C-alpha atoms as a PDB file:
ATOM      1  CA  MET A   1      83.142 115.370  93.941  1.00  0.00           C
ATOM      2  CA  PRO A   2      84.110 114.997  97.698  1.00  0.00           C
ATOM      3  CA  PRO A   3      87.969 114.476  98.331  1.00  0.00           C
ATOM      4  CA  ASN A   4      89.356 111.226  97.914  1.00  0.00           C
ATOM      5  CA  SER A   5      91.190 111.638 101.260  1.00  0.00           C
ATOM      6  CA  PRO A   6      89.371 114.191 103.710  1.00  0.00           C
ATOM      7  CA  VAL A   7      90.831 114.839 107.327  1.00  0.00           C
ATOM      8  CA  VAL A   8      88.609 112.214 109.287  1.00  0.00           C
ATOM      9  CA  ALA A   9      86.847 113.191 112.627  1.00  0.00           C
ATOM     10  CA  ASP A  10      87.557 110.937 115.814  1.00  0.00           C
ATOM     11  CA  LEU A  11      83.825 110.455 115.661  1.00  0.00           C
ATOM     12  CA  ALA A  12      81.536 110.224 112.372  1.00  0.00           C
ATOM     13  CA  PRO A  13      77.914 112.024 112.692  1.00  0.00           C
ATOM     14  CA  SER A  14      75.147 109.933 114.232  1.00  0.00           C
ATOM     15  CA  ASP A  15      72.332 112.749 113.006  1.00  0.00           C
ATOM     16  CA  PRO A  16      69.156 111.122 111.469  1.00  0.00           C
ATOM     17  CA  GLU A  17      70.007 113.256 108.301  1.00  0.00           C
ATOM     18  CA  LEU A  18      72.983 113.416 105.982  1.00  0.00           C
ATOM     19  CA  THR A  19      75.710 116.129 107.063  1.00  0.00           C
ATOM     20  CA  ALA A  20      77.932 118.242 105.454  1.00  0.00           C
ATOM     21  CA  TYR A  21      80.718 116.023 106.641  1.00  0.00           C
ATOM     22  CA  ASP A  22      78.950 112.970 105.390  1.00  0.00           C
ATOM     23  CA  GLU A  23      79.393 114.344 101.944  1.00  0.00           C
ATOM     24  CA  GLU A  24      82.655 115.105 102.392  1.00  0.00           C
ATOM     25  CA  CYS A  25      83.750 111.388 103.506  1.00  0.00           C
ATOM     26  CA  VAL A  26      81.473 109.633 100.900  1.00  0.00           C
ATOM     27  CA  VAL A  27      84.641 108.270  99.416  1.00  0.00           C
ATOM     28  CA  THR A  28      86.224 107.257 102.614  1.00  0.00           C
ATOM     29  CA  TYR A  29      82.822 105.551 103.578  1.00  0.00           C
ATOM     30  CA  LEU A  30      83.113 103.596 100.317  1.00  0.00           C
ATOM     31  CA  ARG A  31      86.625 102.506 101.024  1.00  0.00           C
ATOM     32  CA  LEU A  32      85.480 101.511 104.515  1.00  0.00           C
ATOM     33  CA  LEU A  33      82.517  99.201 103.194  1.00  0.00           C
ATOM     34  CA  ASP A  34      84.963  97.856 100.625  1.00  0.00           C
ATOM     35  CA  ALA A  35      87.445  97.173 103.247  1.00  0.00           C
ATOM     36  CA  ASP A  36      84.576  95.563 105.569  1.00  0.00           C
ATOM     37  CA  ALA A  37      83.312  93.213 102.998  1.00  0.00           C
ATOM     38  CA  ASP A  38      86.778  92.130 102.121  1.00  0.00           C
ATOM     39  CA  GLY A  39      87.252  91.063 105.802  1.00  0.00           C
ATOM     40  CA  ALA A  40      90.244  93.596 106.489  1.00  0.00           C
ATOM     41  CA  ASP A  41      91.727  94.112 109.780  1.00  0.00           C
ATOM     42  CA  TRP A  42      90.361  97.304 111.184  1.00  0.00           C
ATOM     43  CA  ARG A  43      93.969  98.449 112.314  1.00  0.00           C
ATOM     44  CA  GLU A  44      95.128  98.158 108.729  1.00  0.00           C
ATOM     45  CA  VAL A  45      91.530  99.890 107.384  1.00  0.00           C
ATOM     46  CA  SER A  46      92.689 102.668 110.384  1.00  0.00           C
ATOM     47  CA  ARG A  47      96.103 103.048 108.859  1.00  0.00           C
ATOM     48  CA  ILE A  48      95.476 103.435 105.151  1.00  0.00           C
ATOM     49  CA  VAL A  49      91.827 104.811 104.917  1.00  0.00           C
ATOM     50  CA  LEU A  50      91.439 106.929 108.210  1.00  0.00           C
ATOM     51  CA  GLU A  51      94.872 107.846 108.547  1.00  0.00           C
ATOM     52  CA  ILE A  52      94.939 107.189 112.015  1.00  0.00           C
ATOM     53  CA  ASP A  53      98.078 105.321 113.570  1.00  0.00           C
ATOM     54  CA  PRO A  54      96.400 102.261 115.838  1.00  0.00           C
ATOM     55  CA  ASP A  55      99.746 101.794 117.277  1.00  0.00           C
ATOM     56  CA  ARG A  56     100.452 105.080 118.523  1.00  0.00           C
ATOM     57  CA  GLU A  57      96.370 105.865 119.147  1.00  0.00           C
ATOM     58  CA  PRO A  58      95.078 102.524 119.439  1.00  0.00           C
ATOM     59  CA  GLU A  59      91.509 103.811 121.305  1.00  0.00           C
ATOM     60  CA  ARG A  60      90.926 106.985 119.073  1.00  0.00           C
ATOM     61  CA  ALA A  61      91.849 104.668 115.717  1.00  0.00           C
ATOM     62  CA  ARG A  62      89.393 101.820 117.161  1.00  0.00           C
ATOM     63  CA  ARG A  63      86.496 104.748 118.023  1.00  0.00           C
ATOM     64  CA  ALA A  64      87.035 106.553 114.616  1.00  0.00           C
ATOM     65  CA  PHE A  65      86.877 103.153 112.778  1.00  0.00           C
ATOM     66  CA  GLU A  66      83.805 101.810 114.211  1.00  0.00           C
ATOM     67  CA  SER A  67      81.948 105.145 114.257  1.00  0.00           C
ATOM     68  CA  HIS A  68      82.803 105.762 110.418  1.00  0.00           C
ATOM     69  CA  LEU A  69      81.838 102.022 109.560  1.00  0.00           C
ATOM     70  CA  ALA A  70      78.665 102.382 111.153  1.00  0.00           C
ATOM     71  CA  ARG A  71      78.349 105.761 109.709  1.00  0.00           C
ATOM     72  CA  ALA A  72      79.108 104.171 106.247  1.00  0.00           C
ATOM     73  CA  ARG A  73      76.255 101.329 106.678  1.00  0.00           C
ATOM     74  CA  TRP A  74      73.706 104.104 107.585  1.00  0.00           C
ATOM     75  CA  VAL A  75      74.768 106.262 104.431  1.00  0.00           C
ATOM     76  CA  ALA A  76      74.664 103.048 102.168  1.00  0.00           C
ATOM     77  CA  ARG A  77      70.999 102.006 103.757  1.00  0.00           C
ATOM     78  CA  HIS A  78      69.473 105.161 104.280  1.00  0.00           C
ATOM     79  CA  GLY A  79      71.578 108.293 103.565  1.00  0.00           C
ATOM     80  CA  TYR A  80      72.069 107.803  99.705  1.00  0.00           C
ATOM     81  CA  ARG A  81      68.561 108.784  99.149  1.00  0.00           C
ATOM     82  CA  GLN A  82      69.369 111.918 100.768  1.00  0.00           C
ATOM     83  CA  LEU A  83      72.357 112.171  98.701  1.00  0.00           C
ATOM     84  CA  LEU A  84      70.380 111.481  95.260  1.00  0.00           C
ATOM     85  CA  ARG A  85      67.563 114.326  96.227  1.00  0.00           C
ATOM     86  CA  ARG A  86      70.531 116.679  96.531  1.00  0.00           C
ATOM     87  CA  GLY A  87      71.606 115.950  92.853  1.00  0.00           C
ATOM     88  CA  TRP A  88      74.851 114.192  93.991  1.00  0.00           C
ATOM     89  CA  PRO A  89      77.109 113.667  92.281  1.00  0.00           C
ATOM     90  CA  SER A  90      77.000 117.067  90.808  1.00  0.00           C
ATOM     91  CA  HIS A  91      77.080 116.564  86.937  1.00  0.00           C
ATOM     92  CA  SER A  92      78.928 119.653  86.320  1.00  0.00           C
ATOM     93  CA  ALA A  93      82.249 118.166  88.104  1.00  0.00           C
END
């Protein structure tokens, strides 16, 4: 299983294929999608989910939030098929 709180990069991948980073961040992506569906403020989401303080690093926090939310949406629409083909989640966990 992926970690509940992986170290988040400044920018999420934009590859047309699922990456190892995506697999590590699946839980983060789900949390972002949930927060978005609930209408949560991006600053709160950045602070809690991405662990980037938007008061200290507003540009970095906003870029990370936007890129990871976009990637989460891509994974939800397209990338999940690749996860399933790979056998994720592992049944041995």
